Amino acid sequence: MENDEKIYDTLMSNGFKLIAKDVSAFFGDCYDVFSNGIFQLRFSVSKSFKSIDIRNNHLDEDWYDLALVKALLYDEKNLNHVTTIEEYKDFLQNELIDIVKLFADKNYLTTKKRLEELGNERAKQMFPMTKR
């Protein structure tokens, strides 16, 4: 994807490989998926909206918004704060080692549980009047 060369170069220099890529003929939608054997990162554009998602390298695992990983590492309380794509890229470059630790097999079940809890908490913050 355009303007992503710097973060892609950083990933490649840290052992990541491009494992999937697609460009739609419609709306310029596209995605690139990188893996280091521990986790996968998906950079996507859908209707001009960019996002970065992450998941354990096991193919049946759910994708998580990178914002949840950021919230986990930084112990953020405001979970519906909008993070720019540039902030995500900086986060990846600065915290790659800690992200690898979170998604390593020995830590992943705990990480997954915390990400699910944070996702639920974010939904409550975004939609406070919704009953659960």
N, C-alpha and C. Protein backbone atom coordinates (compact mmCIF):
# COMPACT_ATOMS: atom_id res chain seq x y z
N MET A 1 0.85 -1.18 0.00
CA MET A 1 0.00 0.00 0.00
C MET A 1 0.89 1.24 0.00
N GLU A 2 0.37 2.30 -0.56
CA GLU A 2 1.14 3.53 -0.66
C GLU A 2 1.55 4.05 0.71
N ASN A 3 2.74 4.65 0.78
CA ASN A 3 3.25 5.32 1.98
C ASN A 3 3.45 4.38 3.16
N ASP A 4 3.46 3.11 2.95
CA ASP A 4 3.68 2.18 4.04
C ASP A 4 5.06 1.53 3.97
N GLU A 5 5.90 1.99 3.06
CA GLU A 5 7.20 1.37 2.85
C GLU A 5 8.05 1.35 4.11
N LYS A 6 8.03 2.44 4.89
CA LYS A 6 8.87 2.52 6.09
C LYS A 6 8.51 1.43 7.09
N ILE A 7 7.24 1.29 7.40
CA ILE A 7 6.85 0.26 8.37
C ILE A 7 7.04 -1.13 7.79
N TYR A 8 6.79 -1.28 6.49
CA TYR A 8 7.01 -2.58 5.85
C TYR A 8 8.50 -2.95 5.90
N ASP A 9 9.38 -1.98 5.65
CA ASP A 9 10.82 -2.23 5.73
C ASP A 9 11.22 -2.62 7.15
N THR A 10 10.65 -1.94 8.14
CA THR A 10 10.93 -2.27 9.54
C THR A 10 10.51 -3.70 9.84
N LEU A 11 9.32 -4.07 9.39
CA LEU A 11 8.84 -5.43 9.62
C LEU A 11 9.75 -6.45 8.95
N MET A 12 10.08 -6.21 7.69
CA MET A 12 10.92 -7.15 6.93
C MET A 12 12.30 -7.30 7.59
N SER A 13 12.84 -6.20 8.10
CA SER A 13 14.15 -6.27 8.74
C SER A 13 14.09 -6.97 10.10
N ASN A 14 12.88 -7.20 10.61
CA ASN A 14 12.68 -7.91 11.87
C ASN A 14 12.10 -9.30 11.66
N GLY A 15 12.29 -9.85 10.47
CA GLY A 15 11.93 -11.24 10.23
C GLY A 15 10.52 -11.50 9.72
N PHE A 16 9.77 -10.45 9.40
CA PHE A 16 8.42 -10.64 8.86
C PHE A 16 8.48 -10.90 7.37
N LYS A 17 7.50 -11.66 6.89
CA LYS A 17 7.36 -11.92 5.46
C LYS A 17 5.95 -11.56 5.03
N LEU A 18 5.82 -11.05 3.83
CA LEU A 18 4.50 -10.79 3.25
C LEU A 18 3.91 -12.13 2.87
N ILE A 19 2.76 -12.49 3.49
CA ILE A 19 2.18 -13.82 3.24
C ILE A 19 0.87 -13.76 2.46
N ALA A 20 0.28 -12.57 2.37
CA ALA A 20 -0.97 -12.43 1.60
C ALA A 20 -1.11 -10.98 1.17
N LYS A 21 -1.72 -10.82 0.00
CA LYS A 21 -1.90 -9.48 -0.56
C LYS A 21 -3.09 -9.53 -1.50
N ASP A 22 -3.91 -8.48 -1.47
CA ASP A 22 -5.04 -8.43 -2.39
C ASP A 22 -5.37 -6.97 -2.67
N VAL A 23 -5.71 -6.70 -3.90
CA VAL A 23 -6.17 -5.37 -4.30
C VAL A 23 -7.47 -5.56 -5.06
N SER A 24 -8.51 -4.92 -4.57
CA SER A 24 -9.83 -5.01 -5.20
C SER A 24 -9.91 -4.03 -6.36
N ALA A 25 -10.69 -4.38 -7.33
CA ALA A 25 -10.93 -3.47 -8.46
C ALA A 25 -11.88 -2.35 -8.07
N PHE A 26 -12.50 -2.45 -6.91
CA PHE A 26 -13.49 -1.48 -6.48
C PHE A 26 -13.00 -0.66 -5.30
N PHE A 27 -13.19 0.63 -5.36
CA PHE A 27 -12.94 1.56 -4.26
C PHE A 27 -11.49 1.61 -3.79
N GLY A 28 -10.58 0.92 -4.43
CA GLY A 28 -9.20 0.90 -3.99
C GLY A 28 -8.97 0.08 -2.73
N ASP A 29 -9.93 -0.78 -2.38
CA ASP A 29 -9.78 -1.62 -1.20
C ASP A 29 -8.61 -2.58 -1.41
N CYS A 30 -7.82 -2.78 -0.35
CA CYS A 30 -6.68 -3.68 -0.45
C CYS A 30 -6.23 -4.10 0.94
N TYR A 31 -5.41 -5.14 0.99
CA TYR A 31 -4.78 -5.52 2.25
C TYR A 31 -3.46 -6.21 1.99
N ASP A 32 -2.56 -6.11 2.96
CA ASP A 32 -1.30 -6.82 3.00
C ASP A 32 -1.22 -7.50 4.36
N VAL A 33 -0.82 -8.76 4.38
CA VAL A 33 -0.67 -9.49 5.64
C VAL A 33 0.78 -9.94 5.77
N PHE A 34 1.38 -9.60 6.90
CA PHE A 34 2.75 -9.99 7.22
C PHE A 34 2.75 -10.94 8.40
N SER A 35 3.72 -11.85 8.43
CA SER A 35 3.85 -12.78 9.56
C SER A 35 5.32 -12.95 9.92
N ASN A 36 5.56 -13.11 11.22
CA ASN A 36 6.90 -13.44 11.69
C ASN A 36 6.94 -14.85 12.27
N GLY A 37 5.87 -15.62 12.04
CA GLY A 37 5.78 -16.97 12.58
C GLY A 37 5.12 -17.02 13.94
N ILE A 38 5.02 -15.88 14.62
CA ILE A 38 4.37 -15.79 15.93
C ILE A 38 3.01 -15.12 15.80
N PHE A 39 2.97 -14.01 15.07
CA PHE A 39 1.70 -13.32 14.85
C PHE A 39 1.67 -12.73 13.45
N GLN A 40 0.47 -12.33 13.05
CA GLN A 40 0.26 -11.72 11.74
C GLN A 40 -0.25 -10.29 11.92
N LEU A 41 0.16 -9.42 11.02
CA LEU A 41 -0.33 -8.05 10.97
C LEU A 41 -1.01 -7.85 9.63
N ARG A 42 -2.22 -7.29 9.67
CA ARG A 42 -2.96 -7.02 8.43
C ARG A 42 -3.13 -5.50 8.30
N PHE A 43 -2.58 -4.97 7.24
CA PHE A 43 -2.73 -3.56 6.89
C PHE A 43 -3.80 -3.51 5.82
N SER A 44 -4.90 -2.82 6.07
CA SER A 44 -5.98 -2.83 5.10
C SER A 44 -6.53 -1.43 4.85
N VAL A 45 -7.08 -1.29 3.67
CA VAL A 45 -7.79 -0.07 3.28
C VAL A 45 -9.14 -0.52 2.75
N SER A 46 -10.20 0.02 3.33
CA SER A 46 -11.55 -0.27 2.88
C SER A 46 -12.30 1.04 2.78
N LYS A 47 -12.70 1.37 1.56
CA LYS A 47 -13.41 2.63 1.31
C LYS A 47 -12.63 3.81 1.89
N SER A 48 -11.33 3.82 1.66
CA SER A 48 -10.39 4.87 2.08
C SER A 48 -10.13 4.90 3.58
N PHE A 49 -10.62 3.94 4.35
CA PHE A 49 -10.36 3.85 5.78
C PHE A 49 -9.24 2.84 6.01
N LYS A 50 -8.13 3.30 6.62
CA LYS A 50 -7.00 2.42 6.87
C LYS A 50 -7.11 1.81 8.26
N SER A 51 -6.71 0.55 8.37
CA SER A 51 -6.68 -0.09 9.68
C SER A 51 -5.52 -1.09 9.74
N ILE A 52 -5.12 -1.38 10.98
CA ILE A 52 -4.09 -2.39 11.22
C ILE A 52 -4.66 -3.35 12.26
N ASP A 53 -4.67 -4.62 11.92
CA ASP A 53 -5.18 -5.65 12.81
C ASP A 53 -4.09 -6.68 13.07
N ILE A 54 -4.26 -7.42 14.15
CA ILE A 54 -3.25 -8.39 14.57
C ILE A 54 -3.93 -9.67 15.03
N ARG A 55 -3.25 -10.79 14.82
CA ARG A 55 -3.75 -12.05 15.35
C ARG A 55 -2.59 -13.01 15.53
N ASN A 56 -2.82 -14.01 16.36
CA ASN A 56 -1.87 -15.08 16.55
C ASN A 56 -1.69 -15.78 15.21
N ASN A 57 -0.57 -16.41 15.01
CA ASN A 57 -0.28 -17.02 13.71
C ASN A 57 -1.16 -18.23 13.38
N HIS A 58 -1.90 -18.76 14.37
CA HIS A 58 -2.81 -19.86 14.09
C HIS A 58 -3.96 -19.32 13.24
N LEU A 59 -4.21 -19.94 12.11
CA LEU A 59 -5.12 -19.39 11.11
C LEU A 59 -6.56 -19.25 11.56
N ASP A 60 -6.98 -20.00 12.56
CA ASP A 60 -8.37 -19.90 12.99
C ASP A 60 -8.59 -18.84 14.08
N GLU A 61 -7.56 -18.10 14.41
CA GLU A 61 -7.68 -17.09 15.46
C GLU A 61 -8.35 -15.82 14.93
N ASP A 62 -8.99 -15.10 15.84
CA ASP A 62 -9.65 -13.84 15.49
C ASP A 62 -8.62 -12.74 15.28
N TRP A 63 -9.00 -11.76 14.47
CA TRP A 63 -8.21 -10.55 14.30
C TRP A 63 -8.61 -9.57 15.40
N TYR A 64 -7.63 -8.84 15.92
CA TYR A 64 -7.88 -7.81 16.92
C TYR A 64 -7.37 -6.48 16.40
N ASP A 65 -8.11 -5.44 16.69
CA ASP A 65 -7.70 -4.09 16.36
C ASP A 65 -6.40 -3.80 17.12
N LEU A 66 -5.42 -3.26 16.43
CA LEU A 66 -4.14 -2.97 17.08
C LEU A 66 -4.31 -2.01 18.26
N ALA A 67 -5.38 -1.21 18.25
CA ALA A 67 -5.65 -0.30 19.36
C ALA A 67 -5.80 -1.06 20.68
N LEU A 68 -6.35 -2.26 20.63
CA LEU A 68 -6.51 -3.04 21.85
C LEU A 68 -5.17 -3.51 22.39
N VAL A 69 -4.25 -3.85 21.51
CA VAL A 69 -2.90 -4.24 21.94
C VAL A 69 -2.19 -3.04 22.54
N LYS A 70 -2.36 -1.89 21.92
CA LYS A 70 -1.78 -0.65 22.45
C LYS A 70 -2.36 -0.35 23.84
N ALA A 71 -3.66 -0.49 23.99
CA ALA A 71 -4.30 -0.26 25.28
C ALA A 71 -3.79 -1.24 26.33
N LEU A 72 -3.56 -2.47 25.94
CA LEU A 72 -3.05 -3.48 26.86
C LEU A 72 -1.64 -3.13 27.33
N LEU A 73 -0.76 -2.80 26.40
CA LEU A 73 0.62 -2.50 26.77
C LEU A 73 0.75 -1.20 27.56
N TYR A 74 -0.06 -0.20 27.22
CA TYR A 74 0.06 1.11 27.86
C TYR A 74 -0.95 1.31 28.99
N ASP A 75 -1.72 0.28 29.29
CA ASP A 75 -2.74 0.34 30.35
C ASP A 75 -3.67 1.54 30.15
N GLU A 76 -4.12 1.73 28.92
CA GLU A 76 -5.01 2.85 28.60
C GLU A 76 -6.41 2.58 29.14
N LYS A 77 -7.04 3.63 29.62
CA LYS A 77 -8.40 3.51 30.17
C LYS A 77 -9.45 4.01 29.18
N ASN A 78 -9.12 5.01 28.37
CA ASN A 78 -10.04 5.55 27.36
C ASN A 78 -9.90 4.70 26.11
N LEU A 79 -10.76 3.70 25.97
CA LEU A 79 -10.61 2.72 24.90
C LEU A 79 -11.27 3.11 23.59
N ASN A 80 -11.99 4.22 23.56
CA ASN A 80 -12.58 4.64 22.30
C ASN A 80 -11.87 5.86 21.73
N HIS A 81 -10.68 6.13 22.23
CA HIS A 81 -9.83 7.19 21.68
C HIS A 81 -9.37 6.78 20.28
N VAL A 82 -9.47 7.68 19.33
CA VAL A 82 -9.08 7.39 17.95
C VAL A 82 -7.56 7.55 17.83
N THR A 83 -6.92 6.50 17.34
CA THR A 83 -5.48 6.51 17.10
C THR A 83 -5.25 6.61 15.60
N THR A 84 -4.37 7.51 15.19
CA THR A 84 -4.10 7.67 13.76
C THR A 84 -3.25 6.52 13.26
N ILE A 85 -3.27 6.32 11.97
CA ILE A 85 -2.48 5.25 11.37
C ILE A 85 -0.99 5.50 11.60
N GLU A 86 -0.58 6.77 11.61
CA GLU A 86 0.83 7.10 11.88
C GLU A 86 1.20 6.74 13.31
N GLU A 87 0.30 6.98 14.26
CA GLU A 87 0.55 6.59 15.65
C GLU A 87 0.68 5.08 15.78
N TYR A 88 -0.14 4.35 15.02
CA TYR A 88 -0.04 2.89 15.02
C TYR A 88 1.32 2.44 14.50
N LYS A 89 1.78 3.06 13.44
CA LYS A 89 3.07 2.69 12.87
C LYS A 89 4.20 2.96 13.87
N ASP A 90 4.14 4.12 14.55
CA ASP A 90 5.14 4.42 15.58
C ASP A 90 5.07 3.39 16.70
N PHE A 91 3.86 3.05 17.10
CA PHE A 91 3.66 2.04 18.15
C PHE A 91 4.31 0.72 17.75
N LEU A 92 4.07 0.28 16.53
CA LEU A 92 4.66 -0.97 16.06
C LEU A 92 6.18 -0.92 16.09
N GLN A 93 6.74 0.18 15.62
CA GLN A 93 8.20 0.30 15.59
C GLN A 93 8.79 0.32 17.00
N ASN A 94 8.13 1.01 17.92
CA ASN A 94 8.65 1.16 19.27
C ASN A 94 8.40 -0.05 20.17
N GLU A 95 7.33 -0.78 19.92
CA GLU A 95 6.92 -1.84 20.85
C GLU A 95 6.94 -3.24 20.24
N LEU A 96 7.60 -3.41 19.12
CA LEU A 96 7.57 -4.69 18.42
C LEU A 96 8.03 -5.85 19.32
N ILE A 97 9.06 -5.64 20.10
CA ILE A 97 9.56 -6.72 20.96
C ILE A 97 8.51 -7.13 21.99
N ASP A 98 7.85 -6.14 22.60
CA ASP A 98 6.81 -6.47 23.59
C ASP A 98 5.58 -7.11 22.95
N ILE A 99 5.26 -6.70 21.73
CA ILE A 99 4.13 -7.32 21.02
C ILE A 99 4.44 -8.78 20.73
N VAL A 100 5.67 -9.05 20.32
CA VAL A 100 6.09 -10.44 20.07
C VAL A 100 5.92 -11.26 21.35
N LYS A 101 6.31 -10.70 22.49
CA LYS A 101 6.17 -11.43 23.76
C LYS A 101 4.70 -11.72 24.07
N LEU A 102 3.82 -10.75 23.83
CA LEU A 102 2.39 -10.95 24.10
C LEU A 102 1.81 -12.10 23.29
N PHE A 103 2.26 -12.23 22.04
CA PHE A 103 1.67 -13.21 21.13
C PHE A 103 2.44 -14.53 21.07
N ALA A 104 3.52 -14.63 21.83
CA ALA A 104 4.26 -15.90 21.91
C ALA A 104 3.33 -16.96 22.51
N ASP A 105 3.52 -18.19 22.10
CA ASP A 105 2.62 -19.28 22.53
C ASP A 105 2.43 -19.34 24.04
N LYS A 106 3.50 -19.13 24.81
CA LYS A 106 3.39 -19.27 26.27
C LYS A 106 2.55 -18.16 26.90
N ASN A 107 2.40 -17.02 26.22
CA ASN A 107 1.64 -15.89 26.76
C ASN A 107 0.31 -15.65 26.06
N TYR A 108 0.08 -16.34 24.95
CA TYR A 108 -1.04 -15.96 24.09
C TYR A 108 -2.41 -16.13 24.74
N LEU A 109 -2.64 -17.19 25.47
CA LEU A 109 -3.98 -17.37 26.06
C LEU A 109 -4.33 -16.23 27.02
N THR A 110 -3.36 -15.78 27.80
CA THR A 110 -3.58 -14.63 28.69
C THR A 110 -3.81 -13.37 27.87
N THR A 111 -3.00 -13.18 26.83
CA THR A 111 -3.16 -12.02 25.95
C THR A 111 -4.54 -12.01 25.31
N LYS A 112 -4.95 -13.15 24.78
CA LYS A 112 -6.25 -13.26 24.13
C LYS A 112 -7.38 -12.90 25.10
N LYS A 113 -7.31 -13.41 26.30
CA LYS A 113 -8.33 -13.11 27.30
C LYS A 113 -8.39 -11.61 27.60
N ARG A 114 -7.23 -11.00 27.78
CA ARG A 114 -7.18 -9.56 28.06
C ARG A 114 -7.69 -8.74 26.88
N LEU A 115 -7.35 -9.13 25.65
CA LEU A 115 -7.84 -8.41 24.47
C LEU A 115 -9.35 -8.51 24.35
N GLU A 116 -9.90 -9.67 24.65
CA GLU A 116 -11.35 -9.83 24.62
C GLU A 116 -12.01 -8.96 25.69
N GLU A 117 -11.42 -8.92 26.89
CA GLU A 117 -11.95 -8.07 27.96
C GLU A 117 -11.89 -6.60 27.56
N LEU A 118 -10.77 -6.19 26.98
CA LEU A 118 -10.63 -4.80 26.53
C LEU A 118 -11.62 -4.48 25.42
N GLY A 119 -11.84 -5.42 24.51
CA GLY A 119 -12.83 -5.22 23.45
C GLY A 119 -14.22 -5.02 24.01
N ASN A 120 -14.58 -5.82 25.02
CA ASN A 120 -15.88 -5.67 25.67
C ASN A 120 -15.99 -4.33 26.40
N GLU A 121 -14.92 -3.95 27.08
CA GLU A 121 -14.92 -2.67 27.79
C GLU A 121 -15.02 -1.50 26.80
N ARG A 122 -14.33 -1.62 25.66
CA ARG A 122 -14.41 -0.56 24.65
C ARG A 122 -15.84 -0.43 24.14
N ALA A 123 -16.51 -1.55 23.92
CA ALA A 123 -17.91 -1.51 23.46
C ALA A 123 -18.79 -0.81 24.49
N LYS A 124 -18.56 -1.08 25.77
CA LYS A 124 -19.33 -0.40 26.82
C LYS A 124 -19.08 1.10 26.81
N GLN A 125 -17.82 1.49 26.58
CA GLN A 125 -17.50 2.92 26.54
C GLN A 125 -18.11 3.59 25.31
N MET A 126 -18.12 2.89 24.21
CA MET A 126 -18.66 3.47 22.97
C MET A 126 -20.18 3.53 22.99
N PHE A 127 -20.81 2.56 23.63
CA PHE A 127 -22.26 2.46 23.65
C PHE A 127 -22.74 2.29 25.09
N PRO A 128 -22.61 3.33 25.91
CA PRO A 128 -22.89 3.19 27.34
C PRO A 128 -24.34 2.87 27.68
N MET A 129 -25.27 3.16 26.82
CA MET A 129 -26.68 2.92 27.11
C MET A 129 -27.16 1.54 26.69
N THR A 130 -26.29 0.77 26.04
CA THR A 130 -26.67 -0.56 25.58
C THR A 130 -26.61 -1.55 26.73
N LYS A 131 -27.67 -2.33 26.90
CA LYS A 131 -27.68 -3.35 27.96
C LYS A 131 -26.96 -4.59 27.46
N ARG A 132 -26.30 -5.25 28.34
CA ARG A 132 -25.54 -6.46 28.00
C ARG A 132 -26.15 -7.65 28.68
